[in-house]
Amino acid sequence: MAKELIKGNVAFAEAAVRAGLEAYFGYPITPQTEALEWMSHRMPELGRVFVQAESELGAINMVYGAACTGRRTMTSSSGPGVSLMMEGISFIAGTEVPAVIVDVMRGGPGLGNIAPAQADYNQIVHGGGHGDYYPIVLAPASVQELIDLTSISFDLAETYRSVVFILIDGCLGQMMEPAELPPMRPAAQRSPEWATDGAVGREKRFHSSIYLDPRDMEVANLRLLRRWREVEANEVRYKGYYLEDAHYVVVGFGTAGRIALSAVRMARQMGLPVGLLRPITLSPFPNRILEDLAGRVEGMLVVEMNNGQMVDDVLRAVGARTAVEFYGQPGGVMPLPDDILPVIDRLVNGPPAHKGHPRDRWFQTVVHKN
């Protein structure tokens, strides 16, 4: 199919429709409302379910109910809305039914602003809702990748009976780029064997996340953990650039990773031996490739549009095998390649870093600068 100029929010909405989405429930919040608007006419014209709920609480519980029927279902929101959904997300995870959730991040905490940020990393990647579970988290960096990962997300959710997050920011949600949409896939004709889709001619099925006996809850938790081990073994995704001969590596996800790639290319033109690792699955995190890189490079720089959240996961993977630095822009301020390039230069040519957490070292430079 030919490429077309398409906005990120519309792109993931239409990609979901073409992936066989059967029910969408949502509530407006900037900067993702265009997705809701698109679904409001696209789903009904195909005879599928669209509901603008009374709140994010209503939307996620509608997703929960529809997911129990085995139908492809999703919602989308932004940081404050996703925060409200967290109890329902935990119920979905505990019930072991598939659902897809798109978080178009904005500045925070609190009501914050509508500018692009990556401040929801910890909330989404490290579980969010209560209990022992791990969501699959996908972090695209372009409109085309957003389309492709949206299509994949439903298959992942169903394969592992898991919550799948697509984590983007307001920049990617509002950005327009040429991209190719996939062909339309029909809605599933068969329900999975666990679905509550009517009990005519069979025994009734029951879904719940309540396990009053702690032993039963333990069994359920271990079942989730075994399934997560399969995800870790089979579904880690990342992209590497200039890693073959790199002595230093920049690590960034989503929009920050895309901006960092421009800085890395500029650094390469200056003769600096730098590469980029861009995690696509933030959960499961690409620990193994980071461990391998840490064993042969002289240093790493983590770039994020927040105060330093993914840097902790990088440190856990790398340990003491190589030096790690951090550069962040919080609150909806987007870094530019020209901002990142001097930090890369200092990493390569500057004195060794002092002891302490890289976030603390970054903060001291921010205080001094301001």
Foldseek 3Di string as FASTA:
>chain_A
DFWDWDFLLCLLLVLLQLLQAAEEEEEDDPPNNVSLVNCVPPNVVVVGYYYDDPALCRRLVVQLVVQLQQFAYEYEDEDVSVLNCQQSQVWQALLLGFYEYEYAYAADDDPFDRFWFQVCCCCQQVRNHDDQAGAWEFFDAASQVSSVVSSVRSVVCVVLSHYYYYYAYSCRNGDIDTYDHDGHDHHDPDGDPQHQNDAPPHDGHDTGSDDPPVVVNVVSSVSNVVSLVVCLVPPWDKDKFLLPQAQEEEEEEHNQQVQQVVLVVVVVVVVHRYMYIYTRTVVVPPLVVLCVSLQRHAEYEYEGAALDDCLVVSCVSNPVSHYYAYDYHHSNDDDHSVVCNVVSVCVRPNDDDDDDDNSVVNVVVVVVVD
